[in-house]
Amino acid sequence: MNLLRLCCVAVLLLSCNDKNKESVVLDQEVEDKATTAIIKEQSVMQLKEQLKTKGFEVFEYVDEKTQDTILMQQYFMAFLKTGKHRHQSDEEAKRLQEAHLAHLGKMYDLGYADISGPFGGDGAIRGITIYNVPTLQMADSLANSDPMVKAGRLEIEIHPWWAAKGFKLR
């Protein structure tokens, strides 16, 4: 009988010890989440200040679901539209296309453009480039330096566009 009581006491003590361990683990998880939130908040504030120093337009909001602070930045979306001068020879059009792709690659490499691509079909809007620059004037200058635009095969229409920093396409 004493052995049975001893076993019961041991089981009780061990289960209390496990509950304490669970409580400590849960407390640590809550503390880790709070620390992560503080770090994210500091990172958002630091990024916001860096962007503002460079002349970017930004604002922030708190996501109701996650309680994360989301930093929004203004980008410039350039729509590449069919231009008025499309009478070049096939050879010249091919050369312009190669120069156009090289220009877009350079914009990406320099950090001025984040994404570019053509639209499917044969509509008036041929593609887009999203410029990651502080001003409309800079985006306009970069877009209009495209060899296809200079030759008149494409025309540019630019609009300010807001997106969350750090979010990726999926």
N, C-alpha and C. Protein backbone atom coordinates (compact mmCIF):
# COMPACT_ATOMS: atom_id res chain seq x y z
N MET A 1 0.82 -1.19 0.00
CA MET A 1 0.00 0.00 0.00
C MET A 1 0.86 1.25 0.00
N ASN A 2 1.95 1.21 0.82
CA ASN A 2 2.85 2.36 0.86
C ASN A 2 3.52 2.58 -0.49
N LEU A 3 3.80 1.48 -1.16
CA LEU A 3 4.41 1.59 -2.49
C LEU A 3 3.46 2.27 -3.48
N LEU A 4 2.18 1.94 -3.38
CA LEU A 4 1.17 2.55 -4.24
C LEU A 4 1.06 4.04 -3.97
N ARG A 5 1.04 4.42 -2.68
CA ARG A 5 0.99 5.85 -2.32
C ARG A 5 2.24 6.58 -2.84
N LEU A 6 3.38 5.96 -2.68
CA LEU A 6 4.63 6.56 -3.13
C LEU A 6 4.61 6.78 -4.64
N CYS A 7 4.11 5.82 -5.37
CA CYS A 7 4.00 5.96 -6.84
C CYS A 7 3.06 7.08 -7.22
N CYS A 8 1.93 7.17 -6.51
CA CYS A 8 0.95 8.25 -6.80
C CYS A 8 1.56 9.62 -6.54
N VAL A 9 2.27 9.76 -5.44
CA VAL A 9 2.92 11.03 -5.11
C VAL A 9 3.96 11.38 -6.17
N ALA A 10 4.73 10.38 -6.59
CA ALA A 10 5.76 10.61 -7.61
C ALA A 10 5.12 11.07 -8.92
N VAL A 11 4.03 10.42 -9.31
CA VAL A 11 3.34 10.79 -10.55
C VAL A 11 2.80 12.22 -10.44
N LEU A 12 2.22 12.55 -9.30
CA LEU A 12 1.71 13.90 -9.08
C LEU A 12 2.82 14.95 -9.19
N LEU A 13 3.93 14.67 -8.53
CA LEU A 13 5.06 15.60 -8.57
C LEU A 13 5.59 15.77 -9.99
N LEU A 14 5.72 14.68 -10.70
CA LEU A 14 6.22 14.74 -12.07
C LEU A 14 5.25 15.50 -12.97
N SER A 15 3.95 15.28 -12.79
CA SER A 15 2.97 15.97 -13.65
C SER A 15 2.97 17.45 -13.33
N CYS A 16 3.12 17.82 -12.08
CA CYS A 16 3.21 19.25 -11.74
C CYS A 16 4.45 19.85 -12.36
N ASN A 17 5.56 19.09 -12.30
CA ASN A 17 6.80 19.57 -12.89
C ASN A 17 6.63 19.79 -14.39
N ASP A 18 5.93 18.86 -15.09
CA ASP A 18 5.68 19.01 -16.53
C ASP A 18 4.81 20.23 -16.81
N LYS A 19 3.80 20.46 -15.95
CA LYS A 19 2.94 21.63 -16.13
C LYS A 19 3.74 22.91 -15.96
N ASN A 20 4.65 22.91 -14.99
CA ASN A 20 5.50 24.08 -14.80
C ASN A 20 6.39 24.30 -16.02
N LYS A 21 6.91 23.18 -16.54
CA LYS A 21 7.74 23.29 -17.76
C LYS A 21 6.93 23.86 -18.90
N GLU A 22 5.69 23.36 -19.07
CA GLU A 22 4.82 23.87 -20.13
C GLU A 22 4.56 25.36 -19.94
N SER A 23 4.32 25.76 -18.69
CA SER A 23 4.06 27.16 -18.39
C SER A 23 5.28 28.01 -18.72
N VAL A 24 6.47 27.52 -18.36
CA VAL A 24 7.71 28.25 -18.67
C VAL A 24 7.90 28.35 -20.18
N VAL A 25 7.63 27.26 -20.89
CA VAL A 25 7.76 27.27 -22.35
C VAL A 25 6.78 28.27 -22.96
N LEU A 26 5.55 28.25 -22.49
CA LEU A 26 4.54 29.20 -23.02
C LEU A 26 4.94 30.63 -22.70
N ASP A 27 5.40 30.87 -21.48
CA ASP A 27 5.84 32.21 -21.11
C ASP A 27 6.99 32.67 -22.00
N GLN A 28 7.92 31.75 -22.30
CA GLN A 28 9.05 32.08 -23.16
C GLN A 28 8.58 32.40 -24.58
N GLU A 29 7.59 31.63 -25.08
CA GLU A 29 7.05 31.88 -26.42
C GLU A 29 6.41 33.26 -26.48
N VAL A 30 5.64 33.63 -25.46
CA VAL A 30 5.01 34.96 -25.41
C VAL A 30 6.09 36.04 -25.38
N GLU A 31 7.12 35.82 -24.57
CA GLU A 31 8.22 36.79 -24.48
C GLU A 31 8.95 36.91 -25.82
N ASP A 32 9.19 35.77 -26.49
CA ASP A 32 9.86 35.77 -27.80
C ASP A 32 9.03 36.54 -28.82
N LYS A 33 7.71 36.31 -28.83
CA LYS A 33 6.84 37.02 -29.76
C LYS A 33 6.87 38.52 -29.50
N ALA A 34 6.86 38.91 -28.23
CA ALA A 34 6.91 40.33 -27.88
C ALA A 34 8.23 40.94 -28.32
N THR A 35 9.33 40.22 -28.11
CA THR A 35 10.65 40.70 -28.53
C THR A 35 10.70 40.85 -30.05
N THR A 36 10.17 39.85 -30.77
CA THR A 36 10.13 39.90 -32.23
C THR A 36 9.32 41.10 -32.70
N ALA A 37 8.19 41.36 -32.04
CA ALA A 37 7.34 42.50 -32.42
C ALA A 37 8.09 43.81 -32.22
N ILE A 38 8.84 43.93 -31.13
CA ILE A 38 9.61 45.15 -30.86
C ILE A 38 10.68 45.32 -31.92
N ILE A 39 11.37 44.24 -32.27
CA ILE A 39 12.42 44.31 -33.30
C ILE A 39 11.82 44.71 -34.63
N LYS A 40 10.68 44.09 -35.00
CA LYS A 40 10.02 44.44 -36.26
C LYS A 40 9.63 45.91 -36.25
N GLU A 41 9.08 46.39 -35.13
CA GLU A 41 8.66 47.79 -35.02
C GLU A 41 9.86 48.71 -35.21
N GLN A 42 11.00 48.37 -34.56
CA GLN A 42 12.21 49.18 -34.73
C GLN A 42 12.68 49.13 -36.18
N SER A 43 12.62 47.95 -36.79
CA SER A 43 13.05 47.81 -38.18
C SER A 43 12.17 48.65 -39.09
N VAL A 44 10.86 48.63 -38.86
CA VAL A 44 9.95 49.42 -39.68
C VAL A 44 10.27 50.90 -39.52
N MET A 45 10.48 51.32 -38.28
CA MET A 45 10.79 52.73 -38.03
C MET A 45 12.11 53.13 -38.70
N GLN A 46 13.12 52.24 -38.60
CA GLN A 46 14.41 52.54 -39.22
C GLN A 46 14.28 52.61 -40.74
N LEU A 47 13.58 51.66 -41.33
CA LEU A 47 13.38 51.65 -42.78
C LEU A 47 12.61 52.89 -43.22
N LYS A 48 11.58 53.24 -42.46
CA LYS A 48 10.79 54.42 -42.78
C LYS A 48 11.68 55.67 -42.81
N GLU A 49 12.52 55.82 -41.81
CA GLU A 49 13.42 56.99 -41.76
C GLU A 49 14.42 56.97 -42.91
N GLN A 50 14.96 55.80 -43.23
CA GLN A 50 15.90 55.70 -44.36
C GLN A 50 15.23 56.11 -45.66
N LEU A 51 14.02 55.61 -45.88
CA LEU A 51 13.30 55.94 -47.12
C LEU A 51 12.96 57.43 -47.18
N LYS A 52 12.50 57.98 -46.07
CA LYS A 52 12.15 59.42 -46.05
C LYS A 52 13.38 60.28 -46.31
N THR A 53 14.54 59.86 -45.77
CA THR A 53 15.79 60.59 -45.99
C THR A 53 16.14 60.62 -47.48
N LYS A 54 15.81 59.52 -48.19
CA LYS A 54 16.10 59.44 -49.62
C LYS A 54 15.02 60.11 -50.48
N GLY A 55 13.97 60.64 -49.84
CA GLY A 55 12.94 61.36 -50.57
C GLY A 55 11.71 60.55 -50.95
N PHE A 56 11.60 59.31 -50.47
CA PHE A 56 10.44 58.48 -50.79
C PHE A 56 9.23 58.90 -49.96
N GLU A 57 8.05 58.74 -50.54
CA GLU A 57 6.79 58.94 -49.82
C GLU A 57 6.44 57.61 -49.16
N VAL A 58 6.13 57.64 -47.85
CA VAL A 58 5.79 56.43 -47.11
C VAL A 58 4.70 56.74 -46.09
N PHE A 59 3.99 55.71 -45.69
CA PHE A 59 3.11 55.79 -44.52
C PHE A 59 3.03 54.40 -43.93
N GLU A 60 2.50 54.29 -42.72
CA GLU A 60 2.39 52.99 -42.07
C GLU A 60 1.00 52.82 -41.48
N TYR A 61 0.65 51.56 -41.28
CA TYR A 61 -0.59 51.23 -40.59
C TYR A 61 -0.39 49.92 -39.85
N VAL A 62 -1.28 49.63 -38.92
CA VAL A 62 -1.21 48.39 -38.16
C VAL A 62 -2.26 47.43 -38.72
N ASP A 63 -1.80 46.25 -39.13
CA ASP A 63 -2.69 45.21 -39.63
C ASP A 63 -3.53 44.70 -38.46
N GLU A 64 -4.85 44.79 -38.60
CA GLU A 64 -5.75 44.39 -37.51
C GLU A 64 -5.61 42.92 -37.14
N LYS A 65 -5.38 42.08 -38.13
CA LYS A 65 -5.31 40.63 -37.88
C LYS A 65 -4.02 40.23 -37.17
N THR A 66 -2.87 40.71 -37.69
CA THR A 66 -1.57 40.28 -37.16
C THR A 66 -0.98 41.24 -36.13
N GLN A 67 -1.50 42.46 -36.11
CA GLN A 67 -0.97 43.53 -35.26
C GLN A 67 0.44 43.97 -35.69
N ASP A 68 0.86 43.55 -36.89
CA ASP A 68 2.14 44.00 -37.44
C ASP A 68 1.99 45.41 -37.99
N THR A 69 3.06 46.19 -37.88
CA THR A 69 3.09 47.50 -38.52
C THR A 69 3.53 47.30 -39.95
N ILE A 70 2.72 47.75 -40.88
CA ILE A 70 2.98 47.61 -42.31
C ILE A 70 3.44 48.96 -42.84
N LEU A 71 4.58 48.95 -43.50
CA LEU A 71 5.12 50.17 -44.11
C LEU A 71 4.78 50.18 -45.59
N MET A 72 4.08 51.22 -46.00
CA MET A 72 3.70 51.38 -47.41
C MET A 72 4.63 52.41 -48.05
N GLN A 73 5.04 52.12 -49.28
CA GLN A 73 5.92 53.02 -50.03
C GLN A 73 5.27 53.33 -51.36
N GLN A 74 5.49 54.55 -51.82
CA GLN A 74 5.01 54.92 -53.14
C GLN A 74 6.04 54.50 -54.19
N TYR A 75 5.56 53.75 -55.17
CA TYR A 75 6.34 53.35 -56.34
C TYR A 75 5.71 54.06 -57.53
N PHE A 76 6.26 53.84 -58.71
CA PHE A 76 5.68 54.42 -59.92
C PHE A 76 5.54 53.32 -60.96
N MET A 77 4.31 53.10 -61.39
CA MET A 77 4.02 52.07 -62.37
C MET A 77 3.97 52.72 -63.74
N ALA A 78 4.88 52.29 -64.59
CA ALA A 78 4.93 52.80 -65.96
C ALA A 78 4.25 51.80 -66.88
N PHE A 79 3.22 52.24 -67.55
CA PHE A 79 2.55 51.42 -68.56
C PHE A 79 3.23 51.71 -69.88
N LEU A 80 3.72 50.67 -70.55
CA LEU A 80 4.35 50.81 -71.85
C LEU A 80 3.27 50.55 -72.90
N LYS A 81 2.93 51.59 -73.63
CA LYS A 81 1.82 51.52 -74.57
C LYS A 81 2.34 51.55 -76.01
N THR A 82 1.55 51.03 -76.92
CA THR A 82 1.92 51.03 -78.33
C THR A 82 2.18 52.47 -78.78
N GLY A 83 3.35 52.69 -79.36
CA GLY A 83 3.71 54.02 -79.83
C GLY A 83 3.23 54.30 -81.25
N LYS A 84 3.40 55.53 -81.69
CA LYS A 84 2.93 55.96 -83.01
C LYS A 84 3.89 55.57 -84.14
N HIS A 85 5.14 55.30 -83.81
CA HIS A 85 6.15 55.01 -84.84
C HIS A 85 6.56 53.54 -84.77
N ARG A 86 5.82 52.71 -85.47
CA ARG A 86 6.09 51.27 -85.47
C ARG A 86 6.41 50.78 -86.88
N HIS A 87 6.96 51.64 -87.68
CA HIS A 87 7.22 51.33 -89.09
C HIS A 87 8.65 50.85 -89.35
N GLN A 88 9.42 50.57 -88.29
CA GLN A 88 10.80 50.12 -88.45
C GLN A 88 10.83 48.76 -89.15
N SER A 89 11.96 48.50 -89.80
CA SER A 89 12.16 47.18 -90.42
C SER A 89 12.23 46.12 -89.33
N ASP A 90 12.07 44.86 -89.72
CA ASP A 90 12.16 43.76 -88.76
C ASP A 90 13.52 43.76 -88.07
N GLU A 91 14.56 44.03 -88.84
CA GLU A 91 15.91 44.06 -88.27
C GLU A 91 16.04 45.18 -87.24
N GLU A 92 15.53 46.36 -87.57
CA GLU A 92 15.59 47.50 -86.63
C GLU A 92 14.72 47.22 -85.40
N ALA A 93 13.55 46.63 -85.59
CA ALA A 93 12.66 46.30 -84.46
C ALA A 93 13.34 45.30 -83.54
N LYS A 94 14.06 44.33 -84.11
CA LYS A 94 14.78 43.34 -83.31
C LYS A 94 15.89 44.02 -82.51
N ARG A 95 16.64 44.92 -83.15
CA ARG A 95 17.71 45.65 -82.47
C ARG A 95 17.13 46.50 -81.32
N LEU A 96 16.01 47.17 -81.57
CA LEU A 96 15.37 47.98 -80.53
C LEU A 96 14.88 47.11 -79.37
N GLN A 97 14.36 45.92 -79.68
CA GLN A 97 13.89 45.02 -78.63
C GLN A 97 15.05 44.58 -77.75
N GLU A 98 16.18 44.26 -78.36
CA GLU A 98 17.37 43.88 -77.58
C GLU A 98 17.83 45.04 -76.69
N ALA A 99 17.84 46.25 -77.25
CA ALA A 99 18.24 47.43 -76.48
C ALA A 99 17.24 47.71 -75.36
N HIS A 100 15.96 47.50 -75.64
CA HIS A 100 14.89 47.67 -74.64
C HIS A 100 15.10 46.72 -73.46
N LEU A 101 15.36 45.44 -73.75
CA LEU A 101 15.59 44.47 -72.69
C LEU A 101 16.86 44.78 -71.90
N ALA A 102 17.89 45.24 -72.59
CA ALA A 102 19.12 45.63 -71.90
C ALA A 102 18.86 46.82 -70.97
N HIS A 103 18.06 47.77 -71.45
CA HIS A 103 17.71 48.94 -70.63
C HIS A 103 16.97 48.49 -69.37
N LEU A 104 15.97 47.61 -69.52
CA LEU A 104 15.20 47.14 -68.36
C LEU A 104 16.08 46.37 -67.40
N GLY A 105 17.00 45.55 -67.93
CA GLY A 105 17.95 44.82 -67.08
C GLY A 105 18.83 45.78 -66.29
N LYS A 106 19.26 46.84 -66.93
CA LYS A 106 20.10 47.84 -66.26
C LYS A 106 19.30 48.54 -65.16
N MET A 107 18.04 48.87 -65.42
CA MET A 107 17.20 49.52 -64.41
C MET A 107 17.05 48.61 -63.18
N TYR A 108 16.88 47.32 -63.43
CA TYR A 108 16.76 46.35 -62.35
C TYR A 108 18.08 46.24 -61.59
N ASP A 109 19.18 46.10 -62.31
CA ASP A 109 20.50 45.97 -61.67
C ASP A 109 20.86 47.18 -60.82
N LEU A 110 20.47 48.37 -61.27
CA LEU A 110 20.76 49.59 -60.52
C LEU A 110 19.79 49.83 -59.36
N GLY A 111 18.74 49.00 -59.27
CA GLY A 111 17.78 49.15 -58.19
C GLY A 111 16.68 50.15 -58.47
N TYR A 112 16.60 50.63 -59.71
CA TYR A 112 15.57 51.62 -60.06
C TYR A 112 14.24 50.97 -60.41
N ALA A 113 14.26 49.74 -60.89
CA ALA A 113 13.03 49.03 -61.25
C ALA A 113 12.99 47.72 -60.49
N ASP A 114 11.82 47.40 -59.98
CA ASP A 114 11.67 46.16 -59.21
C ASP A 114 11.11 45.02 -60.04
N ILE A 115 10.30 45.33 -61.02
CA ILE A 115 9.71 44.29 -61.84
C ILE A 115 9.27 44.89 -63.17
N SER A 116 9.43 44.12 -64.22
CA SER A 116 9.01 44.54 -65.56
C SER A 116 8.48 43.31 -66.28
N GLY A 117 7.60 43.54 -67.23
CA GLY A 117 7.14 42.42 -68.03
C GLY A 117 6.07 42.83 -69.02
N PRO A 118 5.97 42.03 -70.08
CA PRO A 118 4.97 42.32 -71.12
C PRO A 118 3.60 41.75 -70.74
N PHE A 119 2.57 42.31 -71.34
CA PHE A 119 1.23 41.75 -71.23
C PHE A 119 1.03 40.78 -72.38
N GLY A 120 0.19 39.80 -72.19
CA GLY A 120 -0.16 38.88 -73.27
C GLY A 120 -1.12 39.56 -74.23
N GLY A 121 -1.23 39.02 -75.40
CA GLY A 121 -2.15 39.57 -76.39
C GLY A 121 -1.51 40.71 -77.17
N ASP A 122 -2.35 41.39 -77.92
CA ASP A 122 -1.86 42.46 -78.79
C ASP A 122 -2.61 43.76 -78.51
N GLY A 123 -2.84 44.04 -77.20
CA GLY A 123 -3.57 45.24 -76.81
C GLY A 123 -2.70 46.49 -76.89
N ALA A 124 -3.31 47.62 -76.60
CA ALA A 124 -2.60 48.91 -76.65
C ALA A 124 -1.56 49.03 -75.54
N ILE A 125 -1.82 48.41 -74.39
CA ILE A 125 -0.84 48.43 -73.30
C ILE A 125 0.01 47.18 -73.45
N ARG A 126 1.29 47.39 -73.72
CA ARG A 126 2.20 46.29 -74.07
C ARG A 126 2.87 45.66 -72.85
N GLY A 127 3.08 46.45 -71.77
CA GLY A 127 3.75 45.92 -70.59
C GLY A 127 3.82 46.95 -69.48
N ILE A 128 4.48 46.58 -68.39
CA ILE A 128 4.66 47.49 -67.27
C ILE A 128 6.09 47.40 -66.74
N THR A 129 6.49 48.48 -66.09
CA THR A 129 7.69 48.49 -65.27
C THR A 129 7.32 49.22 -63.99
N ILE A 130 7.69 48.65 -62.85
CA ILE A 130 7.45 49.31 -61.57
C ILE A 130 8.78 49.90 -61.11
N TYR A 131 8.81 51.24 -61.04
CA TYR A 131 10.02 51.95 -60.66
C TYR A 131 10.04 52.19 -59.16
N ASN A 132 11.18 51.88 -58.55
CA ASN A 132 11.41 52.06 -57.12
C ASN A 132 12.32 53.27 -56.95
N VAL A 133 11.75 54.44 -57.22
CA VAL A 133 12.49 55.70 -57.15
C VAL A 133 11.64 56.71 -56.37
N PRO A 134 12.26 57.77 -55.84
CA PRO A 134 11.52 58.68 -54.96
C PRO A 134 10.54 59.64 -55.65
N THR A 135 10.73 59.93 -56.95
CA THR A 135 9.86 60.95 -57.55
C THR A 135 9.31 60.51 -58.90
N LEU A 136 8.19 61.08 -59.25
CA LEU A 136 7.59 60.86 -60.55
C LEU A 136 8.53 61.34 -61.66
N GLN A 137 9.20 62.45 -61.44
CA GLN A 137 10.11 62.98 -62.45
C GLN A 137 11.25 61.99 -62.75
N MET A 138 11.76 61.36 -61.72
CA MET A 138 12.85 60.39 -61.92
C MET A 138 12.33 59.17 -62.67
N ALA A 139 11.17 58.66 -62.28
CA ALA A 139 10.58 57.51 -62.98
C ALA A 139 10.32 57.85 -64.44
N ASP A 140 9.80 59.03 -64.68
CA ASP A 140 9.50 59.47 -66.05
C ASP A 140 10.79 59.56 -66.88
N SER A 141 11.83 60.11 -66.30
CA SER A 141 13.10 60.24 -67.00
C SER A 141 13.69 58.87 -67.34
N LEU A 142 13.65 57.96 -66.38
CA LEU A 142 14.18 56.61 -66.62
C LEU A 142 13.36 55.87 -67.67
N ALA A 143 12.04 55.97 -67.58
CA ALA A 143 11.17 55.28 -68.53
C ALA A 143 11.36 55.84 -69.94
N ASN A 144 11.51 57.14 -70.04
CA ASN A 144 11.66 57.76 -71.36
C ASN A 144 13.06 57.60 -71.94
N SER A 145 13.99 57.08 -71.15
CA SER A 145 15.33 56.80 -71.69
C SER A 145 15.40 55.42 -72.34
N ASP A 146 14.31 54.67 -72.29
CA ASP A 146 14.21 53.36 -72.93
C ASP A 146 14.34 53.54 -74.45
N PRO A 147 15.22 52.79 -75.11
CA PRO A 147 15.39 52.92 -76.56
C PRO A 147 14.10 52.74 -77.37
N MET A 148 13.19 51.87 -76.91
CA MET A 148 11.91 51.68 -77.61
C MET A 148 11.05 52.93 -77.52
N VAL A 149 11.13 53.62 -76.39
CA VAL A 149 10.37 54.85 -76.21
C VAL A 149 10.99 55.96 -77.05
N LYS A 150 12.31 56.06 -77.02
CA LYS A 150 13.00 57.06 -77.83
C LYS A 150 12.69 56.91 -79.32
N ALA A 151 12.57 55.67 -79.77
CA ALA A 151 12.29 55.40 -81.19
C ALA A 151 10.81 55.57 -81.53
N GLY A 152 9.96 55.71 -80.51
CA GLY A 152 8.54 55.90 -80.75
C GLY A 152 7.74 54.61 -80.87
N ARG A 153 8.37 53.47 -80.72
CA ARG A 153 7.63 52.20 -80.78
C ARG A 153 6.76 52.02 -79.53
N LEU A 154 7.20 52.60 -78.42
CA LEU A 154 6.42 52.56 -77.18
C LEU A 154 6.25 53.98 -76.66
N GLU A 155 5.15 54.18 -75.94
CA GLU A 155 4.90 55.43 -75.21
C GLU A 155 4.71 55.07 -73.75
N ILE A 156 4.95 56.03 -72.89
CA ILE A 156 4.89 55.79 -71.45
C ILE A 156 3.71 56.53 -70.82
N GLU A 157 3.04 55.85 -69.90
CA GLU A 157 2.03 56.47 -69.04
C GLU A 157 2.36 56.02 -67.63
N ILE A 158 2.64 56.96 -66.73
CA ILE A 158 3.10 56.62 -65.38
C ILE A 158 2.06 57.04 -64.33
N HIS A 159 1.88 56.15 -63.35
CA HIS A 159 0.97 56.43 -62.24
C HIS A 159 1.65 56.09 -60.92
N PRO A 160 1.46 56.91 -59.89
CA PRO A 160 1.95 56.53 -58.55
C PRO A 160 1.20 55.29 -58.09
N TRP A 161 1.89 54.42 -57.36
CA TRP A 161 1.30 53.17 -56.90
C TRP A 161 1.89 52.84 -55.54
N TRP A 162 1.03 52.48 -54.59
CA TRP A 162 1.47 52.16 -53.24
C TRP A 162 1.51 50.65 -53.03
N ALA A 163 2.57 50.18 -52.36
CA ALA A 163 2.69 48.76 -52.03
C ALA A 163 3.43 48.64 -50.70
N ALA A 164 3.16 47.54 -50.02
CA ALA A 164 3.80 47.27 -48.74
C ALA A 164 5.24 46.83 -48.94
N LYS A 165 6.14 47.41 -48.17
CA LYS A 165 7.55 47.04 -48.24
C LYS A 165 7.73 45.61 -47.73
N GLY A 166 8.53 44.84 -48.46
CA GLY A 166 8.86 43.50 -48.02
C GLY A 166 7.89 42.41 -48.44
N PHE A 167 6.74 42.79 -48.97
CA PHE A 167 5.78 41.77 -49.42
C PHE A 167 6.20 41.29 -50.80
N LYS A 168 6.02 40.02 -51.08
CA LYS A 168 6.45 39.44 -52.33
C LYS A 168 5.26 38.99 -53.17
N LEU A 169 5.48 38.88 -54.46
CA LEU A 169 4.46 38.32 -55.32
C LEU A 169 4.30 36.84 -55.00
N ARG A 170 3.10 36.33 -55.14
CA ARG A 170 2.91 34.89 -54.96
C ARG A 170 1.97 34.37 -56.00
